[in-house]
Protein backbone atom coordinates (compact mmCIF):
# COMPACT_ATOMS: atom_id res chain seq x y z
CA MET A 1 110.96 89.90 123.94
CA LYS A 2 114.70 89.27 123.67
CA GLY A 3 117.40 88.60 121.15
CA ASP A 4 116.47 84.90 121.02
CA GLY A 5 112.69 85.14 120.60
CA ILE A 6 109.42 86.13 122.24
CA PHE A 7 108.41 84.71 125.61
CA ARG A 8 105.29 84.97 127.77
CA LEU A 9 105.71 85.51 131.51
CA THR A 10 102.69 84.62 133.66
CA GLY A 11 101.89 84.32 137.35
CA SER A 12 101.11 86.59 140.26
CA SER A 13 103.93 85.51 142.55
CA LEU A 14 107.27 83.73 142.46
CA PRO A 15 108.14 81.53 140.73
CA PHE A 16 106.81 83.03 137.49
CA GLN A 17 106.18 80.79 134.50
CA ILE A 18 108.05 81.58 131.26
CA THR A 19 106.60 80.10 128.08
CA PRO A 20 108.17 80.44 124.58
CA VAL A 21 105.83 82.14 122.09
CA ASP A 22 107.88 82.46 118.90
CA GLY A 23 111.58 81.68 118.60
CA THR A 24 111.81 82.98 115.02
CA VAL A 25 110.99 86.63 115.86
CA VAL A 26 113.85 88.48 117.54
CA LEU A 27 114.24 92.12 118.51
CA SER A 28 116.24 94.18 115.97
CA ALA A 29 116.02 97.69 117.46
CA ILE A 30 116.71 97.20 121.16
CA ASP A 31 114.71 100.21 122.37
CA SER A 32 111.74 99.70 120.03
CA ALA A 33 109.43 97.40 122.04
CA LYS A 34 106.57 99.50 123.46
CA THR A 35 103.07 98.85 124.77
CA ALA A 36 100.06 100.72 123.41
CA ASN A 37 96.34 100.03 123.76
CA ASN A 38 96.88 96.50 125.10
CA PHE A 39 99.31 95.54 122.32
CA VAL A 40 103.09 95.30 122.17
CA TYR A 41 104.75 96.82 119.11
CA ALA A 42 108.39 96.20 118.19
CA TYR A 43 110.92 96.43 115.36
CA THR A 44 112.08 92.85 114.74
CA ASN A 45 113.97 90.78 112.18
CA LYS A 46 110.63 90.27 110.39
CA GLY A 47 109.68 93.93 110.40
CA ILE A 48 107.42 95.77 112.81
CA VAL A 49 105.09 93.38 114.62
CA GLU A 50 101.98 93.65 116.77
CA ILE A 51 101.81 91.19 119.66
CA THR A 52 99.05 90.17 122.06
CA ASP A 53 99.20 87.79 125.02
CA THR A 54 97.01 85.26 123.21
CA SER A 55 98.27 85.15 119.62
CA SER A 56 101.40 84.92 117.50
CA PRO A 57 103.16 88.12 116.31
CA ASN A 58 101.37 89.86 113.45
CA VAL A 59 103.62 91.62 110.91
CA ILE A 60 102.09 95.05 110.19
CA SER A 61 104.91 96.74 108.27
CA ILE A 62 104.59 95.15 104.82
CA PRO A 63 103.40 98.47 103.21
CA VAL A 64 106.61 100.21 104.42
CA ASP A 65 109.12 97.38 104.02
CA ASN A 66 111.15 99.42 101.53
CA ILE A 67 111.66 102.16 104.14
CA LEU A 68 112.57 99.64 106.86
CA LYS A 69 115.23 98.11 104.63
CA GLU A 70 116.86 101.52 104.24
CA ILE A 71 116.67 102.13 107.99
CA SER A 72 118.21 98.78 108.93
CA GLN A 73 121.14 99.26 106.51
CA ASN A 74 122.33 102.36 108.37
CA PRO A 75 125.56 101.51 110.23
CA ASN A 76 124.23 103.45 113.25
CA PHE A 77 120.89 101.63 113.23
CA PHE A 78 121.23 100.20 116.76
CA LEU A 79 122.19 103.57 118.28
CA SER A 80 119.78 105.91 116.50
CA THR A 81 116.59 103.83 116.26
CA PHE A 82 114.02 103.70 119.06
CA GLY A 83 110.28 103.32 119.55
CA PHE A 84 107.68 105.56 121.20
CA VAL A 85 103.92 105.56 121.68
CA TYR A 86 101.19 108.19 121.79
CA GLU A 87 98.27 106.24 123.18
CA THR A 88 95.61 108.96 123.08
CA GLU A 89 96.43 109.59 119.40
CA TYR A 90 96.56 105.81 118.72
CA GLU A 91 100.09 106.03 117.35
CA PHE A 92 103.20 103.86 117.56
CA GLY A 93 106.38 105.38 116.15
CA ILE A 94 109.85 104.26 115.13
CA ALA A 95 112.35 107.13 115.26
CA TYR A 96 115.30 106.72 112.91
CA THR A 97 117.86 108.38 110.65
CA LEU A 98 119.14 107.45 107.20
CA SER A 99 122.31 109.49 107.65
CA PRO A 100 125.34 107.21 108.24
CA SER A 101 127.15 110.03 110.08
CA ARG A 102 124.37 110.68 112.62
CA LEU A 103 123.87 108.88 115.94
CA THR A 104 120.45 110.41 116.64
CA ALA A 105 117.04 110.26 114.99
CA ASP A 106 115.70 112.94 112.63
CA SER A 107 112.57 111.22 111.29
CA ALA A 108 109.88 108.81 112.42
CA LEU A 109 107.71 106.16 110.83
CA ILE A 110 104.24 106.32 112.42
CA TYR A 111 101.59 103.58 112.55
CA ASN A 112 98.01 104.45 113.46
CA THR A 113 96.70 101.53 115.49
CA VAL A 114 93.07 102.31 114.62
CA THR A 115 93.14 103.18 110.91
CA LYS A 116 96.09 100.81 110.25
CA GLU A 117 97.75 103.51 108.15
CA TRP A 118 101.43 104.49 107.91
CA TYR A 119 102.88 107.98 107.59
CA THR A 120 106.17 109.75 108.32
CA TRP A 121 107.31 112.63 110.49
CA GLU A 122 110.37 114.82 110.12
CA PHE A 123 111.59 116.35 113.39
CA PRO A 124 112.66 120.02 113.43
CA VAL A 125 116.03 118.96 114.91
CA PRO A 126 117.78 115.62 115.55
CA ILE A 127 116.45 114.11 118.77
CA TRP A 128 117.60 111.74 121.51
CA SER A 129 114.15 110.79 122.76
CA ALA A 130 110.40 111.29 122.32
CA GLN A 131 108.04 110.98 125.28
CA VAL A 132 104.38 111.80 125.99
CA SER A 133 103.74 113.37 129.38
CA PRO A 134 101.03 111.63 131.44
CA ILE A 135 100.31 115.02 133.10
CA ASP A 136 99.45 117.24 130.12
CA ASN A 137 99.26 114.54 127.40
CA GLN A 138 101.67 116.40 125.13
CA MET A 139 104.68 115.05 123.31
CA TYR A 140 108.17 116.25 124.29
CA LEU A 141 111.28 115.89 122.10
CA ALA A 142 114.78 115.96 123.58
CA SER A 143 116.89 117.87 121.07
CA ALA A 144 120.29 116.46 120.09
CA SER A 145 121.27 119.67 118.27
CA ASP A 146 124.13 121.79 119.61
CA ASP A 147 122.55 124.87 118.00
CA PHE A 148 119.13 124.26 119.58
CA PRO A 149 119.75 122.48 122.92
CA TYR A 150 116.15 122.51 124.07
CA VAL A 151 113.28 120.24 124.97
CA TYR A 152 110.57 120.80 122.36
CA ARG A 153 106.93 120.59 123.41
CA GLU A 154 104.01 119.76 121.15
CA ARG A 155 101.56 122.58 120.38
CA LYS A 156 98.12 121.37 121.38
CA GLY A 157 95.43 124.02 121.27
CA LEU A 158 93.42 121.96 118.76
CA ASN A 159 93.30 124.84 116.28
CA SER A 160 95.28 126.04 113.25
CA ALA A 161 97.91 127.65 115.53
CA ASP A 162 99.16 124.12 116.32
CA TYR A 163 100.63 123.78 112.84
CA ALA A 164 104.08 125.31 113.19
CA ASP A 165 107.59 124.41 114.27
CA ALA A 166 110.02 126.74 116.07
CA GLN A 167 109.31 130.44 116.60
CA VAL A 168 111.41 133.57 117.11
CA GLU A 169 110.30 136.92 118.50
CA VAL A 170 110.52 140.00 116.23
CA ASP A 171 109.72 143.71 116.56
CA ILE A 172 107.72 145.61 113.91
CA ILE A 173 108.96 149.21 113.70
CA SER A 174 106.60 150.36 110.93
CA TYR A 175 104.73 149.10 107.87
CA THR A 176 103.36 150.32 104.54
CA GLY A 177 101.03 148.01 102.66
CA THR A 178 102.74 144.61 102.54
CA THR A 179 106.21 145.96 103.41
CA LEU A 180 107.17 145.61 107.07
CA THR A 181 110.18 147.24 108.72
CA LEU A 182 111.57 145.11 111.55
CA ALA A 183 114.31 145.68 114.07
CA SER A 184 116.25 142.94 112.25
CA THR A 185 115.60 140.27 109.60
CA THR A 186 118.54 138.11 110.68
CA GLY A 187 117.64 134.42 110.58
CA LEU A 188 114.30 134.91 108.81
CA VAL A 189 113.50 132.83 105.73
CA VAL A 190 111.07 133.29 102.85
CA GLY A 191 108.04 131.07 103.42
CA GLU A 192 107.91 131.57 107.19
CA THR A 193 104.83 133.13 108.80
CA ILE A 194 104.84 136.35 110.82
CA ALA A 195 101.99 136.61 113.33
CA GLN A 196 100.75 138.95 116.03
CA PHE A 197 98.81 137.85 119.10
CA ASP A 198 96.62 139.73 121.55
CA ASN A 199 98.79 141.60 124.07
CA THR A 200 95.92 143.05 126.07
CA THR A 201 95.42 139.80 128.01
CA ASP A 202 97.63 137.04 129.40
CA GLU A 203 96.18 134.48 126.98
CA PHE A 204 99.25 134.24 124.76
CA VAL A 205 101.70 134.17 127.68
CA ILE A 206 99.71 131.35 129.28
CA SER A 207 99.63 129.50 125.97
CA GLN A 208 103.43 129.56 125.84
CA LEU A 209 103.59 127.98 129.29
CA THR A 210 100.95 125.31 128.68
CA GLY A 211 101.31 124.57 124.96
CA GLN A 212 97.63 125.40 124.40
CA SER A 213 97.92 127.33 121.13
CA VAL A 214 95.86 130.48 120.55
CA LEU A 215 94.90 132.01 117.22
CA PRO A 216 96.76 135.15 116.05
CA LEU A 217 95.16 138.52 115.40
CA ASN A 218 97.16 138.97 112.17
CA LYS A 219 99.29 136.63 110.12
CA ALA A 220 101.04 136.69 106.75
CA ILE A 221 103.66 134.68 104.89
CA ILE A 222 107.06 136.23 104.20
CA THR A 223 107.41 136.43 100.40
CA SER A 224 110.63 138.44 100.21
CA ILE A 225 113.44 139.65 102.46
CA VAL A 226 114.43 143.04 101.10
CA ASP A 227 117.38 143.90 103.33
CA ALA A 228 118.58 143.77 106.93
CA THR A 229 115.38 145.35 108.27
CA GLN A 230 112.60 145.04 105.67
CA ILE A 231 110.43 142.15 104.52
CA VAL A 232 107.49 141.81 102.13
CA VAL A 233 104.52 139.68 103.20
CA SER A 234 101.66 138.01 101.35
CA VAL A 235 98.72 140.11 102.58
CA GLU A 236 98.06 143.51 104.07
CA ALA A 237 97.03 143.68 107.72
CA ASP A 238 96.51 146.22 110.50
CA TRP A 239 99.79 145.53 112.32
CA ASP A 240 100.28 146.94 115.81
CA VAL A 241 103.80 148.39 116.12
CA ASP A 242 103.46 148.47 119.91
CA ASN A 243 102.57 144.77 120.17
CA ALA A 244 105.31 142.76 121.87
CA ASN A 245 103.63 139.45 121.04
CA THR A 246 104.91 139.29 117.46
CA TYR A 247 106.66 136.14 116.26
CA VAL A 248 107.90 134.46 113.11
CA PHE A 249 107.02 130.77 112.84
CA THR A 250 108.80 128.09 110.83
CA PRO A 251 106.37 126.01 108.75
CA PHE A 252 106.57 122.27 108.31
CA GLU A 253 105.52 120.58 105.11
CA TRP A 254 102.87 117.89 105.02
CA ARG A 255 102.45 115.78 101.92
CA ILE A 256 99.83 113.26 100.83
CA LYS A 257 100.63 110.91 97.95
CA THR A 258 98.00 108.47 96.79
CA LEU A 259 98.44 104.94 95.56
CA PRO A 260 98.15 104.57 91.76
CA ASN A 261 94.52 104.95 90.67
CA ALA A 262 93.64 102.89 87.58
CA THR A 263 89.92 103.79 87.74
CA GLY A 264 89.05 100.10 87.79
CA ASN A 265 90.99 98.82 84.76
CA ALA A 266 94.74 99.32 84.44
CA ALA A 267 94.75 97.87 80.89
CA VAL A 268 92.81 100.78 79.40
CA LEU A 269 94.61 103.97 78.36
CA LYS A 270 92.79 107.06 79.64
CA ARG A 271 92.69 110.74 78.82
CA PHE A 272 92.54 112.60 82.13
CA GLN A 273 90.89 116.02 81.77
CA ARG A 274 89.96 117.99 84.89
CA TRP A 275 90.36 117.72 88.64
CA ALA A 276 88.32 118.98 91.57
CA ALA A 277 89.59 119.12 95.17
CA TYR A 278 87.14 119.02 98.09
CA PHE A 279 87.64 120.51 101.57
CA ALA A 280 85.67 120.61 104.81
CA ASP A 281 87.28 123.99 105.57
CA ILE A 282 89.88 126.23 103.97
CA ASP A 283 92.48 128.09 106.04
CA PHE A 284 95.39 128.27 103.61
CA LEU A 285 96.69 130.71 101.03
CA GLU A 286 97.92 128.11 98.56
CA LEU A 287 97.93 124.32 98.30
CA GLN A 288 100.23 122.50 95.89
CA THR A 289 99.25 119.48 93.80
CA THR A 290 101.22 117.32 91.39
CA LEU A 291 99.52 114.90 88.99
CA THR A 292 101.53 112.25 87.14
CA THR A 293 100.72 109.03 85.30
CA ASN A 294 102.64 105.83 84.59
CA LEU A 295 103.51 107.33 81.17
CA SER A 296 104.84 110.65 82.48
CA PRO A 297 108.57 110.98 81.62
CA ALA A 298 110.60 109.84 84.63
CA ASN A 299 113.34 112.42 84.05
CA GLU A 300 111.02 115.38 83.50
CA VAL A 301 110.58 118.00 86.20
CA LEU A 302 106.81 118.28 86.51
CA ALA A 303 105.12 121.58 87.18
CA THR A 304 103.19 121.82 90.44
CA GLN A 305 99.77 123.41 90.21
CA PRO A 306 98.67 125.69 93.05
CA PHE A 307 95.20 125.52 94.60
CA ILE A 308 94.37 129.12 95.46
CA PRO A 309 91.08 129.39 97.38
CA VAL A 310 88.44 131.86 96.29
CA ARG A 311 86.42 133.70 98.93
CA LEU A 312 83.00 135.15 98.23
CA THR A 313 80.56 137.37 100.11
CA GLY A 314 77.93 134.64 99.94
CA TRP A 315 74.75 134.16 97.96
CA GLY A 316 72.41 137.13 97.94
CA ASP A 317 74.89 139.75 99.18
CA THR A 318 75.34 141.19 95.68
CA PRO A 319 72.40 142.78 93.78
CA TRP A 320 71.07 140.51 91.05
CA GLY A 321 72.99 140.95 87.81
CA ASN A 322 75.71 143.20 89.25
CA GLY A 323 78.34 140.60 90.17
CA PRO A 324 79.71 137.15 89.42
CA TRP A 325 77.47 134.16 89.96
CA GLY A 326 77.56 133.24 93.65
CA GLY A 327 78.72 136.61 94.99
CA GLU A 328 81.64 139.01 95.04
CA THR A 329 85.07 138.34 96.52
CA GLY A 330 84.75 138.36 100.30
CA ASP A 331 85.10 136.23 103.42
CA VAL A 332 83.14 133.04 102.59
CA PRO A 333 85.46 130.34 101.20
CA VAL A 334 84.57 128.13 98.25
CA TYR A 335 85.20 124.55 99.37
CA ILE A 336 85.71 123.08 95.88
CA LEU A 337 88.77 124.03 93.82
CA ARG A 338 88.98 123.02 90.15
CA GLY A 339 91.59 122.92 87.41
CA ASP A 340 92.77 121.25 84.20
CA VAL A 341 95.12 118.26 84.17
CA GLU A 342 98.39 119.38 82.61
CA ARG A 343 99.47 117.89 79.29
CA ASN A 344 102.31 115.77 80.72
CA ALA A 345 99.82 113.98 83.00
CA ALA A 346 96.90 113.80 80.57
CA ARG A 347 97.46 110.26 79.22
CA GLY A 348 98.11 107.11 81.18
CA HIS A 349 96.75 103.84 82.52
CA MET A 350 96.83 105.07 86.10
CA ILE A 351 97.28 108.42 87.78
CA PHE A 352 99.22 109.45 90.89
CA ILE A 353 98.05 112.40 92.99
CA GLU A 354 100.27 114.33 95.40
CA VAL A 355 99.03 117.22 97.55
CA SER A 356 101.27 119.29 99.84
CA ASN A 357 101.33 122.45 101.92
CA ALA A 358 103.99 124.32 103.89
CA GLU A 359 102.34 127.23 105.67
CA ALA A 360 102.69 127.82 109.40
CA LEU A 361 99.59 128.44 111.55
CA THR A 362 97.45 126.91 108.82
CA SER A 363 95.23 123.84 108.90
CA VAL A 364 93.73 121.94 105.99
CA ASN A 365 90.74 119.62 106.24
CA TYR A 366 91.22 117.81 102.93
CA LEU A 367 88.43 115.42 101.89
CA GLY A 368 89.69 114.19 98.55
CA LEU A 369 90.21 114.86 94.87
CA ALA A 370 88.09 113.81 91.88
CA ILE A 371 89.39 113.53 88.32
CA SER A 372 87.30 113.31 85.15
CA TYR A 373 88.58 111.15 82.27
CA TYR A 374 87.49 109.12 79.27
CA PRO A 375 88.85 105.74 78.08
CA MET A 376 90.91 105.77 74.89
CA THR A 377 92.34 102.37 73.94
CA GLN A 378 94.11 99.30 75.27
CA SER A 379 96.99 99.90 72.82
CA LEU A 380 100.01 102.13 73.37
CA ARG A 381 100.70 102.50 69.64
CA GLY A 382 100.79 106.08 68.47
CA PHE A 383 101.33 107.60 71.94
CA ARG A 384 104.85 108.63 72.82
């Protein structure tokens, strides 16, 4: 693949045979052509294409064409845009920036070669390069930040401790309830997670060397920074003031936004009533959801409803008639969360659902969301 088209090179010895494949598809981002799972992926003048040695280029980027147009209009497009692959995760990525003053990438557009889905990443710092090591099969990011001149390694313990960005070590001096006294709160931010790990073994130290994340003994979200030494956290815990393996982790936000759902007929006006979210497991304190319709005011700031999981002791642990149906509050999570659709999203022809979370050391196995509704009319008259 070159600036004047795509060519096929064949042969096992000199002279090789060069055959034109498609002269209309030319490489746009010079460092974007990568091989993954017996395909070649590249950012071209026609978008991102998938190429085999037996067929013409297949354009796969139509669902994200609006994003690619923004990327290509950046004056630093040729310098900041590059491709990378993660073969064992079946991912091809285009790293880019939308900032006209930046020469390095800060985000990535990811294509899953199996599910054919697109999603985006935001890097914790601007990066020069992204590579997957063939030795440990982990991704490494070369930071382009002067403040954080490091090589970042992917967390890969295949547990909830993987879900965090950078970490800093802290010392707990004392605690009372949810108030913790630290040696210093400098640099800490509300919303970050403080966690303690087992210091009686070398498990955590080894995990830092290998990237194989381990689960913490205690964790809580910072809800308030009181002063230079005190913070308030979300839950009480039995903190060990002698534990040196105490860190504060920066969360990263993930967000799922669905395509418009017209429930089969976009011409009918509906009254949306209640929602129910389904999970395979729950390991979060709060999950945010935003519901809007095509009739929701475009200039209105919509309230975001929290999903707060309820935990019960389990069926049969409470004497009959002495507690709420299903059991008392305890350790068994309820995997269905329910709520009412807010008034500003109650009427519409189609509904948009957005779910997000920003808690470090937390995983969410989200199955989907169901909404009950009833049809109203095919006319808009009388609804404003």
